[in-house]
PDB file of N, CA and C in Angstrom:
ATOM      1  N   MET A   1     -57.615 -28.912 -59.451  1.00  0.00           N
ATOM      2  CA  MET A   1     -57.314 -29.555 -60.710  1.00  0.00           C
ATOM      3  C   MET A   1     -56.361 -30.714 -60.479  1.00  0.00           C
ATOM      4  N   ILE A   2     -56.378 -31.643 -61.360  1.00  0.00           N
ATOM      5  CA  ILE A   2     -55.587 -32.857 -61.192  1.00  0.00           C
ATOM      6  C   ILE A   2     -54.183 -32.687 -61.761  1.00  0.00           C
ATOM      7  N   GLU A   3     -53.265 -33.298 -61.099  1.00  0.00           N
ATOM      8  CA  GLU A   3     -51.910 -33.352 -61.625  1.00  0.00           C
ATOM      9  C   GLU A   3     -51.703 -34.741 -62.197  1.00  0.00           C
ATOM     10  N   LYS A   4     -50.961 -34.818 -63.272  1.00  0.00           N
ATOM     11  CA  LYS A   4     -50.715 -36.089 -63.926  1.00  0.00           C
ATOM     12  C   LYS A   4     -49.819 -36.947 -63.046  1.00  0.00           C
ATOM     13  N   ASN A   5     -50.224 -38.179 -62.792  1.00  0.00           N
ATOM     14  CA  ASN A   5     -49.369 -39.109 -62.065  1.00  0.00           C
ATOM     15  C   ASN A   5     -49.575 -40.510 -62.609  1.00  0.00           C
ATOM     16  N   LYS A   6     -48.908 -41.483 -62.036  1.00  0.00           N
ATOM     17  CA  LYS A   6     -48.953 -42.841 -62.559  1.00  0.00           C
ATOM     18  C   LYS A   6     -50.299 -43.508 -62.335  1.00  0.00           C
ATOM     19  N   LYS A   7     -51.065 -43.039 -61.355  1.00  0.00           N
ATOM     20  CA  LYS A   7     -52.330 -43.674 -61.044  1.00  0.00           C
ATOM     21  C   LYS A   7     -53.444 -43.293 -62.003  1.00  0.00           C
ATOM     22  N   THR A   8     -53.309 -42.207 -62.725  1.00  0.00           N
ATOM     23  CA  THR A   8     -54.373 -41.782 -63.625  1.00  0.00           C
ATOM     24  C   THR A   8     -54.230 -42.445 -64.987  1.00  0.00           C
ATOM     25  N   ALA A   9     -55.333 -42.505 -65.681  1.00  0.00           N
ATOM     26  CA  ALA A   9     -55.350 -43.115 -67.010  1.00  0.00           C
ATOM     27  C   ALA A   9     -54.738 -42.144 -68.011  1.00  0.00           C
ATOM     28  N   ASP A  10     -54.787 -42.521 -69.259  1.00  0.00           N
ATOM     29  CA  ASP A  10     -54.286 -41.659 -70.323  1.00  0.00           C
ATOM     30  C   ASP A  10     -55.087 -40.363 -70.303  1.00  0.00           C
ATOM     31  N   SER A  11     -54.427 -39.295 -69.966  1.00  0.00           N
ATOM     32  CA  SER A  11     -55.125 -38.009 -69.842  1.00  0.00           C
ATOM     33  C   SER A  11     -54.770 -37.089 -70.995  1.00  0.00           C
ATOM     34  N   SER A  12     -54.712 -37.640 -72.205  1.00  0.00           N
ATOM     35  CA  SER A  12     -54.353 -36.831 -73.366  1.00  0.00           C
ATOM     36  C   SER A  12     -55.438 -35.819 -73.713  1.00  0.00           C
ATOM     37  N   LEU A  13     -56.645 -36.034 -73.269  1.00  0.00           N
ATOM     38  CA  LEU A  13     -57.738 -35.098 -73.548  1.00  0.00           C
ATOM     39  C   LEU A  13     -58.238 -34.490 -72.245  1.00  0.00           C
ATOM     40  N   LEU A  14     -57.308 -34.040 -71.422  1.00  0.00           N
ATOM     41  CA  LEU A  14     -57.632 -33.478 -70.117  1.00  0.00           C
ATOM     42  C   LEU A  14     -56.969 -32.123 -69.971  1.00  0.00           C
ATOM     43  N   ASN A  15     -57.733 -31.146 -69.552  1.00  0.00           N
ATOM     44  CA  ASN A  15     -57.266 -29.789 -69.260  1.00  0.00           C
ATOM     45  C   ASN A  15     -56.452 -29.180 -70.399  1.00  0.00           C
ATOM     46  N   LYS A  16     -55.209 -28.822 -70.158  1.00  0.00           N
ATOM     47  CA  LYS A  16     -54.408 -28.098 -71.158  1.00  0.00           C
ATOM     48  C   LYS A  16     -53.950 -28.979 -72.318  1.00  0.00           C
ATOM     49  N   ASN A  17     -54.185 -30.267 -72.242  1.00  0.00           N
ATOM     50  CA  ASN A  17     -53.789 -31.174 -73.325  1.00  0.00           C
ATOM     51  C   ASN A  17     -54.839 -31.261 -74.430  1.00  0.00           C
ATOM     52  N   ILE A  18     -55.946 -30.577 -74.300  1.00  0.00           N
ATOM     53  CA  ILE A  18     -56.999 -30.606 -75.321  1.00  0.00           C
ATOM     54  C   ILE A  18     -56.549 -29.732 -76.492  1.00  0.00           C
ATOM     55  N   PRO A  19     -56.424 -30.300 -77.702  1.00  0.00           N
ATOM     56  CA  PRO A  19     -55.813 -29.574 -78.825  1.00  0.00           C
ATOM     57  C   PRO A  19     -56.772 -28.726 -79.660  1.00  0.00           C
ATOM     58  N   PHE A  20     -57.980 -28.466 -79.197  1.00  0.00           N
ATOM     59  CA  PHE A  20     -58.968 -27.763 -79.999  1.00  0.00           C
ATOM     60  C   PHE A  20     -59.053 -26.299 -79.585  1.00  0.00           C
ATOM     61  N   SER A  21     -59.446 -25.434 -80.533  1.00  0.00           N
ATOM     62  CA  SER A  21     -59.564 -24.009 -80.212  1.00  0.00           C
ATOM     63  C   SER A  21     -60.934 -23.673 -79.632  1.00  0.00           C
ATOM     64  N   GLN A  22     -61.983 -24.389 -80.050  1.00  0.00           N
ATOM     65  CA  GLN A  22     -63.322 -24.189 -79.516  1.00  0.00           C
ATOM     66  C   GLN A  22     -63.923 -25.535 -79.160  1.00  0.00           C
ATOM     67  N   VAL A  23     -64.711 -25.554 -78.101  1.00  0.00           N
ATOM     68  CA  VAL A  23     -65.337 -26.789 -77.652  1.00  0.00           C
ATOM     69  C   VAL A  23     -66.784 -26.518 -77.256  1.00  0.00           C
ATOM     70  N   LEU A  24     -67.594 -27.555 -77.284  1.00  0.00           N
ATOM     71  CA  LEU A  24     -68.959 -27.491 -76.785  1.00  0.00           C
ATOM     72  C   LEU A  24     -68.894 -27.881 -75.317  1.00  0.00           C
ATOM     73  N   LEU A  25     -69.079 -26.915 -74.445  1.00  0.00           N
ATOM     74  CA  LEU A  25     -68.983 -27.146 -73.008  1.00  0.00           C
ATOM     75  C   LEU A  25     -70.352 -27.550 -72.481  1.00  0.00           C
ATOM     76  N   VAL A  26     -70.434 -28.749 -71.939  1.00  0.00           N
ATOM     77  CA  VAL A  26     -71.694 -29.285 -71.432  1.00  0.00           C
ATOM     78  C   VAL A  26     -71.640 -29.273 -69.912  1.00  0.00           C
ATOM     79  N   SER A  27     -72.624 -28.622 -69.306  1.00  0.00           N
ATOM     80  CA  SER A  27     -72.743 -28.640 -67.848  1.00  0.00           C
ATOM     81  C   SER A  27     -74.112 -29.190 -67.491  1.00  0.00           C
ATOM     82  N   GLU A  28     -74.435 -29.182 -66.218  1.00  0.00           N
ATOM     83  CA  GLU A  28     -75.695 -29.773 -65.772  1.00  0.00           C
ATOM     84  C   GLU A  28     -76.922 -29.121 -66.411  1.00  0.00           C
ATOM     85  N   ASN A  29     -76.872 -27.812 -66.625  1.00  0.00           N
ATOM     86  CA  ASN A  29     -78.078 -27.145 -67.105  1.00  0.00           C
ATOM     87  C   ASN A  29     -77.902 -26.368 -68.403  1.00  0.00           C
ATOM     88  N   GLU A  30     -76.743 -26.438 -69.022  1.00  0.00           N
ATOM     89  CA  GLU A  30     -76.568 -25.698 -70.269  1.00  0.00           C
ATOM     90  C   GLU A  30     -75.501 -26.319 -71.167  1.00  0.00           C
ATOM     91  N   LYS A  31     -75.604 -25.941 -72.448  1.00  0.00           N
ATOM     92  CA  LYS A  31     -74.610 -26.340 -73.455  1.00  0.00           C
ATOM     93  C   LYS A  31     -74.274 -25.084 -74.236  1.00  0.00           C
ATOM     94  N   GLU A  32     -72.965 -24.834 -74.394  1.00  0.00           N
ATOM     95  CA  GLU A  32     -72.587 -23.670 -75.191  1.00  0.00           C
ATOM     96  C   GLU A  32     -71.197 -23.874 -75.788  1.00  0.00           C
ATOM     97  N   VAL A  33     -71.007 -23.259 -76.949  1.00  0.00           N
ATOM     98  CA  VAL A  33     -69.719 -23.316 -77.618  1.00  0.00           C
ATOM     99  C   VAL A  33     -68.865 -22.171 -77.081  1.00  0.00           C
ATOM    100  N   VAL A  34     -67.705 -22.522 -76.542  1.00  0.00           N
ATOM    101  CA  VAL A  34     -66.792 -21.529 -75.971  1.00  0.00           C
ATOM    102  C   VAL A  34     -65.375 -21.829 -76.433  1.00  0.00           C
ATOM    103  N   SER A  35     -64.509 -20.862 -76.259  1.00  0.00           N
ATOM    104  CA  SER A  35     -63.099 -21.093 -76.593  1.00  0.00           C
ATOM    105  C   SER A  35     -62.492 -22.007 -75.538  1.00  0.00           C
ATOM    106  N   ILE A  36     -61.415 -22.646 -75.884  1.00  0.00           N
ATOM    107  CA  ILE A  36     -60.762 -23.567 -74.959  1.00  0.00           C
ATOM    108  C   ILE A  36     -60.260 -22.811 -73.729  1.00  0.00           C
ATOM    109  N   GLN A  37     -59.825 -21.571 -73.915  1.00  0.00           N
ATOM    110  CA  GLN A  37     -59.331 -20.778 -72.789  1.00  0.00           C
ATOM    111  C   GLN A  37     -60.458 -20.466 -71.810  1.00  0.00           C
ATOM    112  N   GLU A  38     -61.632 -20.127 -72.338  1.00  0.00           N
ATOM    113  CA  GLU A  38     -62.795 -19.860 -71.485  1.00  0.00           C
ATOM    114  C   GLU A  38     -63.209 -21.121 -70.717  1.00  0.00           C
ATOM    115  N   ALA A  39     -63.190 -22.257 -71.400  1.00  0.00           N
ATOM    116  CA  ALA A  39     -63.548 -23.519 -70.754  1.00  0.00           C
ATOM    117  C   ALA A  39     -62.554 -23.869 -69.644  1.00  0.00           C
ATOM    118  N   LEU A  40     -61.272 -23.639 -69.898  1.00  0.00           N
ATOM    119  CA  LEU A  40     -60.260 -23.902 -68.867  1.00  0.00           C
ATOM    120  C   LEU A  40     -60.431 -22.963 -67.675  1.00  0.00           C
ATOM    121  N   ASN A  41     -60.781 -21.707 -67.941  1.00  0.00           N
ATOM    122  CA  ASN A  41     -61.018 -20.757 -66.848  1.00  0.00           C
ATOM    123  C   ASN A  41     -62.199 -21.195 -65.985  1.00  0.00           C
ATOM    124  N   ARG A  42     -63.268 -21.654 -66.627  1.00  0.00           N
ATOM    125  CA  ARG A  42     -64.442 -22.117 -65.873  1.00  0.00           C
ATOM    126  C   ARG A  42     -64.104 -23.354 -65.043  1.00  0.00           C
ATOM    127  N   ALA A  43     -63.288 -24.235 -65.601  1.00  0.00           N
ATOM    128  CA  ALA A  43     -62.881 -25.424 -64.856  1.00  0.00           C
ATOM    129  C   ALA A  43     -62.057 -25.035 -63.638  1.00  0.00           C
ATOM    130  N   LYS A  44     -61.175 -24.091 -63.816  1.00  0.00           N
ATOM    131  CA  LYS A  44     -60.333 -23.649 -62.711  1.00  0.00           C
ATOM    132  C   LYS A  44     -61.169 -22.983 -61.627  1.00  0.00           C
ATOM    133  N   GLU A  45     -62.147 -22.159 -62.024  1.00  0.00           N
ATOM    134  CA  GLU A  45     -63.027 -21.499 -61.055  1.00  0.00           C
ATOM    135  C   GLU A  45     -63.836 -22.508 -60.252  1.00  0.00           C
ATOM    136  N   ALA A  46     -64.283 -23.574 -60.902  1.00  0.00           N
ATOM    137  CA  ALA A  46     -65.102 -24.585 -60.244  1.00  0.00           C
ATOM    138  C   ALA A  46     -64.249 -25.641 -59.548  1.00  0.00           C
ATOM    139  N   ASP A  47     -62.932 -25.530 -59.658  1.00  0.00           N
ATOM    140  CA  ASP A  47     -61.998 -26.503 -59.090  1.00  0.00           C
ATOM    141  C   ASP A  47     -62.286 -27.909 -59.611  1.00  0.00           C
ATOM    142  N   LEU A  48     -62.521 -27.985 -60.926  1.00  0.00           N
ATOM    143  CA  LEU A  48     -62.773 -29.247 -61.612  1.00  0.00           C
ATOM    144  C   LEU A  48     -61.816 -29.372 -62.791  1.00  0.00           C
ATOM    145  N   ASP A  49     -61.917 -30.487 -63.488  1.00  0.00           N
ATOM    146  CA  ASP A  49     -61.086 -30.729 -64.659  1.00  0.00           C
ATOM    147  C   ASP A  49     -61.933 -30.636 -65.916  1.00  0.00           C
ATOM    148  N   LEU A  50     -61.328 -30.151 -66.977  1.00  0.00           N
ATOM    149  CA  LEU A  50     -61.978 -30.107 -68.283  1.00  0.00           C
ATOM    150  C   LEU A  50     -61.589 -31.382 -69.018  1.00  0.00           C
ATOM    151  N   PHE A  51     -62.585 -32.198 -69.339  1.00  0.00           N
ATOM    152  CA  PHE A  51     -62.333 -33.493 -69.961  1.00  0.00           C
ATOM    153  C   PHE A  51     -63.102 -33.572 -71.271  1.00  0.00           C
ATOM    154  N   CYS A  52     -62.404 -33.935 -72.344  1.00  0.00           N
ATOM    155  CA  CYS A  52     -63.028 -34.045 -73.663  1.00  0.00           C
ATOM    156  C   CYS A  52     -63.640 -35.438 -73.794  1.00  0.00           C
ATOM    157  N   VAL A  53     -64.974 -35.507 -73.807  1.00  0.00           N
ATOM    158  CA  VAL A  53     -65.658 -36.797 -73.848  1.00  0.00           C
ATOM    159  C   VAL A  53     -65.956 -37.267 -75.271  1.00  0.00           C
ATOM    160  N   ALA A  54     -65.995 -36.339 -76.221  1.00  0.00           N
ATOM    161  CA  ALA A  54     -66.283 -36.715 -77.610  1.00  0.00           C
ATOM    162  C   ALA A  54     -65.438 -35.859 -78.547  1.00  0.00           C
ATOM    163  N   PRO A  55     -64.164 -36.237 -78.754  1.00  0.00           N
ATOM    164  CA  PRO A  55     -63.292 -35.430 -79.596  1.00  0.00           C
ATOM    165  C   PRO A  55     -63.580 -35.543 -81.089  1.00  0.00           C
ATOM    166  N   GLN A  56     -64.309 -36.573 -81.514  1.00  0.00           N
ATOM    167  CA  GLN A  56     -64.549 -36.793 -82.933  1.00  0.00           C
ATOM    168  C   GLN A  56     -65.670 -35.919 -83.480  1.00  0.00           C
ATOM    169  N   ILE A  57     -66.482 -35.341 -82.617  1.00  0.00           N
ATOM    170  CA  ILE A  57     -67.605 -34.499 -83.034  1.00  0.00           C
ATOM    171  C   ILE A  57     -67.106 -33.067 -83.262  1.00  0.00           C
ATOM    172  N   ASN A  58     -67.789 -32.335 -84.159  1.00  0.00           N
ATOM    173  CA  ASN A  58     -67.404 -30.961 -84.416  1.00  0.00           C
ATOM    174  C   ASN A  58     -68.493 -30.034 -83.915  1.00  0.00           C
ATOM    175  N   PRO A  59     -68.303 -29.178 -82.960  1.00  0.00           N
ATOM    176  CA  PRO A  59     -67.121 -28.993 -82.120  1.00  0.00           C
ATOM    177  C   PRO A  59     -67.016 -30.112 -81.075  1.00  0.00           C
ATOM    178  N   PRO A  60     -65.824 -30.393 -80.613  1.00  0.00           N
ATOM    179  CA  PRO A  60     -65.625 -31.460 -79.625  1.00  0.00           C
ATOM    180  C   PRO A  60     -66.380 -31.154 -78.328  1.00  0.00           C
ATOM    181  N   VAL A  61     -66.914 -32.200 -77.708  1.00  0.00           N
ATOM    182  CA  VAL A  61     -67.713 -32.044 -76.494  1.00  0.00           C
ATOM    183  C   VAL A  61     -66.818 -32.225 -75.270  1.00  0.00           C
ATOM    184  N   CYS A  62     -66.885 -31.246 -74.353  1.00  0.00           N
ATOM    185  CA  CYS A  62     -66.102 -31.302 -73.120  1.00  0.00           C
ATOM    186  C   CYS A  62     -67.026 -31.128 -71.925  1.00  0.00           C
ATOM    187  N   LYS A  63     -66.627 -31.737 -70.807  1.00  0.00           N
ATOM    188  CA  LYS A  63     -67.388 -31.632 -69.570  1.00  0.00           C
ATOM    189  C   LYS A  63     -66.466 -31.207 -68.446  1.00  0.00           C
ATOM    190  N   LEU A  64     -67.058 -30.577 -67.449  1.00  0.00           N
ATOM    191  CA  LEU A  64     -66.332 -30.255 -66.234  1.00  0.00           C
ATOM    192  C   LEU A  64     -66.607 -31.376 -65.235  1.00  0.00           C
ATOM    193  N   ILE A  65     -65.552 -32.123 -64.883  1.00  0.00           N
ATOM    194  CA  ILE A  65     -65.709 -33.260 -63.974  1.00  0.00           C
ATOM    195  C   ILE A  65     -64.549 -33.294 -62.989  1.00  0.00           C
ATOM    196  N   ASN A  66     -64.726 -34.081 -61.944  1.00  0.00           N
ATOM    197  CA  ASN A  66     -63.620 -34.401 -61.055  1.00  0.00           C
ATOM    198  C   ASN A  66     -62.988 -35.661 -61.638  1.00  0.00           C
ATOM    199  N   TYR A  67     -61.849 -35.525 -62.299  1.00  0.00           N
ATOM    200  CA  TYR A  67     -61.271 -36.633 -63.046  1.00  0.00           C
ATOM    201  C   TYR A  67     -60.823 -37.773 -62.140  1.00  0.00           C
ATOM    202  N   GLN A  68     -60.376 -37.479 -60.936  1.00  0.00           N
ATOM    203  CA  GLN A  68     -59.946 -38.550 -60.041  1.00  0.00           C
ATOM    204  C   GLN A  68     -61.121 -39.442 -59.660  1.00  0.00           C
ATOM    205  N   LYS A  69     -62.285 -38.852 -59.391  1.00  0.00           N
ATOM    206  CA  LYS A  69     -63.470 -39.646 -59.090  1.00  0.00           C
ATOM    207  C   LYS A  69     -63.890 -40.467 -60.300  1.00  0.00           C
ATOM    208  N   HIS A  70     -63.859 -39.837 -61.468  1.00  0.00           N
ATOM    209  CA  HIS A  70     -64.228 -40.515 -62.716  1.00  0.00           C
ATOM    210  C   HIS A  70     -63.314 -41.711 -62.965  1.00  0.00           C
ATOM    211  N   PHE A  71     -62.026 -41.514 -62.798  1.00  0.00           N
ATOM    212  CA  PHE A  71     -61.053 -42.582 -63.015  1.00  0.00           C
ATOM    213  C   PHE A  71     -61.246 -43.703 -62.000  1.00  0.00           C
ATOM    214  N   PHE A  72     -61.522 -43.350 -60.752  1.00  0.00           N
ATOM    215  CA  PHE A  72     -61.745 -44.339 -59.706  1.00  0.00           C
ATOM    216  C   PHE A  72     -62.961 -45.201 -60.034  1.00  0.00           C
ATOM    217  N   LYS A  73     -64.045 -44.572 -60.480  1.00  0.00           N
ATOM    218  CA  LYS A  73     -65.249 -45.328 -60.821  1.00  0.00           C
ATOM    219  C   LYS A  73     -65.010 -46.264 -61.991  1.00  0.00           C
ATOM    220  N   LEU A  74     -64.240 -45.809 -62.977  1.00  0.00           N
ATOM    221  CA  LEU A  74     -63.934 -46.673 -64.123  1.00  0.00           C
ATOM    222  C   LEU A  74     -63.160 -47.902 -63.689  1.00  0.00           C
ATOM    223  N   ASN A  75     -62.153 -47.713 -62.845  1.00  0.00           N
ATOM    224  CA  ASN A  75     -61.339 -48.839 -62.395  1.00  0.00           C
ATOM    225  C   ASN A  75     -62.088 -49.722 -61.419  1.00  0.00           C
ATOM    226  N   LYS A  76     -62.977 -49.163 -60.647  1.00  0.00           N
ATOM    227  CA  LYS A  76     -63.750 -49.937 -59.693  1.00  0.00           C
ATOM    228  C   LYS A  76     -64.646 -50.933 -60.421  1.00  0.00           C
ATOM    229  N   ASN A  77     -65.208 -50.513 -61.545  1.00  0.00           N
ATOM    230  CA  ASN A  77     -66.090 -51.382 -62.314  1.00  0.00           C
ATOM    231  C   ASN A  77     -65.328 -52.483 -63.040  1.00  0.00           C
ATOM    232  N   LYS A  78     -64.029 -52.330 -63.250  1.00  0.00           N
ATOM    233  CA  LYS A  78     -63.247 -53.317 -63.972  1.00  0.00           C
ATOM    234  C   LYS A  78     -62.791 -54.472 -63.095  1.00  0.00           C
ATOM    235  N   LYS A  79     -62.848 -54.295 -61.768  1.00  0.00           N
ATOM    236  CA  LYS A  79     -62.391 -55.347 -60.875  1.00  0.00           C
ATOM    237  C   LYS A  79     -63.341 -56.534 -60.963  1.00  0.00           C
ATOM    238  N   PRO A  80     -62.788 -57.742 -61.059  1.00  0.00           N
ATOM    239  CA  PRO A  80     -63.662 -58.916 -61.133  1.00  0.00           C
ATOM    240  C   PRO A  80     -64.370 -59.141 -59.801  1.00  0.00           C
ATOM    241  N   LYS A  81     -65.617 -59.505 -59.886  1.00  0.00           N
ATOM    242  CA  LYS A  81     -66.380 -59.768 -58.681  1.00  0.00           C
ATOM    243  C   LYS A  81     -66.086 -61.181 -58.191  1.00  0.00           C
ATOM    244  N   LYS A  82     -66.125 -61.336 -56.887  1.00  0.00           N
ATOM    245  CA  LYS A  82     -65.859 -62.644 -56.305  1.00  0.00           C
ATOM    246  C   LYS A  82     -67.042 -63.568 -56.571  1.00  0.00           C
ATOM    247  N   GLU A  83     -66.720 -64.788 -56.926  1.00  0.00           N
ATOM    248  CA  GLU A  83     -67.763 -65.777 -57.123  1.00  0.00           C
ATOM    249  C   GLU A  83     -68.115 -66.371 -55.765  1.00  0.00           C
ATOM    250  N   ASN A  84     -69.250 -67.043 -55.721  1.00  0.00           N
ATOM    251  CA  ASN A  84     -69.625 -67.692 -54.468  1.00  0.00           C
ATOM    252  C   ASN A  84     -68.558 -68.704 -54.100  1.00  0.00           C
ATOM    253  N   SER A  85     -68.018 -68.528 -52.934  1.00  0.00           N
ATOM    254  CA  SER A  85     -66.962 -69.437 -52.516  1.00  0.00           C
ATOM    255  C   SER A  85     -67.587 -70.693 -51.927  1.00  0.00           C
ATOM    256  N   SER A  86     -66.973 -71.807 -52.194  1.00  0.00           N
ATOM    257  CA  SER A  86     -67.461 -73.059 -51.629  1.00  0.00           C
ATOM    258  C   SER A  86     -66.901 -73.189 -50.218  1.00  0.00           C
ATOM    259  N   LYS A  87     -67.703 -73.715 -49.342  1.00  0.00           N
ATOM    260  CA  LYS A  87     -67.297 -73.872 -47.954  1.00  0.00           C
ATOM    261  C   LYS A  87     -67.002 -75.335 -47.682  1.00  0.00           C
ATOM    262  N   GLU A  88     -66.097 -75.526 -46.768  1.00  0.00           N
ATOM    263  CA  GLU A  88     -65.728 -76.886 -46.406  1.00  0.00           C
ATOM    264  C   GLU A  88     -66.428 -77.290 -45.118  1.00  0.00           C
ATOM    265  N   MET A  89     -66.750 -78.564 -45.020  1.00  0.00           N
ATOM    266  CA  MET A  89     -67.380 -79.110 -43.827  1.00  0.00           C
ATOM    267  C   MET A  89     -66.491 -80.250 -43.359  1.00  0.00           C
ATOM    268  N   GLY A  90     -66.103 -80.209 -42.116  1.00  0.00           N
ATOM    269  CA  GLY A  90     -65.215 -81.244 -41.577  1.00  0.00           C
ATOM    270  C   GLY A  90     -65.993 -82.373 -40.928  1.00  0.00           C
ATOM    271  N   PHE A  91     -65.527 -83.585 -41.142  1.00  0.00           N
ATOM    272  CA  PHE A  91     -66.121 -84.777 -40.539  1.00  0.00           C
ATOM    273  C   PHE A  91     -65.018 -85.539 -39.818  1.00  0.00           C
ATOM    274  N   SER A  92     -65.397 -86.138 -38.703  1.00  0.00           N
ATOM    275  CA  SER A  92     -64.422 -86.989 -37.999  1.00  0.00           C
ATOM    276  C   SER A  92     -64.955 -88.421 -37.978  1.00  0.00           C
ATOM    277  N   PHE A  93     -64.105 -89.338 -37.574  1.00  0.00           N
ATOM    278  CA  PHE A  93     -64.523 -90.749 -37.553  1.00  0.00           C
ATOM    279  C   PHE A  93     -65.481 -91.042 -36.396  1.00  0.00           C
ATOM    280  N   ASN A  94     -65.451 -90.226 -35.385  1.00  0.00           N
ATOM    281  CA  ASN A  94     -66.275 -90.472 -34.196  1.00  0.00           C
ATOM    282  C   ASN A  94     -67.589 -89.687 -34.226  1.00  0.00           C
ATOM    283  N   ILE A  95     -68.075 -89.269 -35.385  1.00  0.00           N
ATOM    284  CA  ILE A  95     -69.283 -88.450 -35.469  1.00  0.00           C
ATOM    285  C   ILE A  95     -70.523 -89.320 -35.276  1.00  0.00           C
ATOM    286  N   GLU A  96     -71.483 -88.791 -34.532  1.00  0.00           N
ATOM    287  CA  GLU A  96     -72.740 -89.497 -34.308  1.00  0.00           C
ATOM    288  C   GLU A  96     -73.599 -89.417 -35.569  1.00  0.00           C
ATOM    289  N   GLU A  97     -74.495 -90.352 -35.716  1.00  0.00           N
ATOM    290  CA  GLU A  97     -75.328 -90.412 -36.902  1.00  0.00           C
ATOM    291  C   GLU A  97     -76.232 -89.188 -37.021  1.00  0.00           C
ATOM    292  N   SER A  98     -76.775 -88.692 -35.915  1.00  0.00           N
ATOM    293  CA  SER A  98     -77.648 -87.511 -35.952  1.00  0.00           C
ATOM    294  C   SER A  98     -76.856 -86.257 -36.365  1.00  0.00           C
ATOM    295  N   ASP A  99     -75.616 -86.147 -35.874  1.00  0.00           N
ATOM    296  CA  ASP A  99     -74.769 -85.024 -36.260  1.00  0.00           C
ATOM    297  C   ASP A  99     -74.420 -85.087 -37.749  1.00  0.00           C
ATOM    298  N   LEU A 100     -74.205 -86.308 -38.217  1.00  0.00           N
ATOM    299  CA  LEU A 100     -73.888 -86.489 -39.636  1.00  0.00           C
ATOM    300  C   LEU A 100     -75.068 -86.063 -40.504  1.00  0.00           C
ATOM    301  N   LYS A 101     -76.271 -86.420 -40.107  1.00  0.00           N
ATOM    302  CA  LYS A 101     -77.476 -86.034 -40.869  1.00  0.00           C
ATOM    303  C   LYS A 101     -77.636 -84.520 -40.888  1.00  0.00           C
ATOM    304  N   THR A 102     -77.405 -83.884 -39.734  1.00  0.00           N
ATOM    305  CA  THR A 102     -77.518 -82.422 -39.648  1.00  0.00           C
ATOM    306  C   THR A 102     -76.528 -81.736 -40.576  1.00  0.00           C
ATOM    307  N   LYS A 103     -75.298 -82.223 -40.567  1.00  0.00           N
ATOM    308  CA  LYS A 103     -74.265 -81.621 -41.433  1.00  0.00           C
ATOM    309  C   LYS A 103     -74.597 -81.860 -42.897  1.00  0.00           C
ATOM    310  N   LEU A 104     -75.084 -83.011 -43.249  1.00  0.00           N
ATOM    311  CA  LEU A 104     -75.448 -83.289 -44.641  1.00  0.00           C
ATOM    312  C   LEU A 104     -76.585 -82.390 -45.109  1.00  0.00           C
ATOM    313  N   GLU A 105     -77.540 -82.093 -44.240  1.00  0.00           N
ATOM    314  CA  GLU A 105     -78.635 -81.189 -44.590  1.00  0.00           C
ATOM    315  C   GLU A 105     -78.110 -79.781 -44.858  1.00  0.00           C
ATOM    316  N   LYS A 106     -77.150 -79.343 -44.046  1.00  0.00           N
ATOM    317  CA  LYS A 106     -76.558 -78.012 -44.242  1.00  0.00           C
ATOM    318  C   LYS A 106     -75.793 -77.945 -45.564  1.00  0.00           C
ATOM    319  N   VAL A 107     -75.107 -79.033 -45.899  1.00  0.00           N
ATOM    320  CA  VAL A 107     -74.347 -79.079 -47.146  1.00  0.00           C
ATOM    321  C   VAL A 107     -75.298 -79.012 -48.338  1.00  0.00           C
ATOM    322  N   GLN A 108     -76.419 -79.679 -48.266  1.00  0.00           N
ATOM    323  CA  GLN A 108     -77.384 -79.705 -49.358  1.00  0.00           C
ATOM    324  C   GLN A 108     -78.020 -78.325 -49.577  1.00  0.00           C
ATOM    325  N   LYS A 109     -78.173 -77.531 -48.495  1.00  0.00           N
ATOM    326  CA  LYS A 109     -78.742 -76.182 -48.627  1.00  0.00           C
ATOM    327  C   LYS A 109     -77.767 -75.316 -49.373  1.00  0.00           C
TER     328      LYS A 109
END
């Protein structure tokens, strides 16, 4: 199970911080309404975290996930992607005409 630290996001709906008495526990192959204590026990047995993904629905929907992996994927997608960087081509005063043509062709590509 995850411990709260500065690197994790707002974990107000994670594990023991979930304020509901019953939740809809969604797993890979089943959905069932269970008490919050039962859901926490299952999370502990599976060595996962209980995360409330839809608190506004009645009963609230919770999943068993590895929260650190989930948080990492969320932050990974937020990083801006690098744009195509422009490359520099150096020219000297003593360059031959054929070399200049070759470099200009490369620049145009």
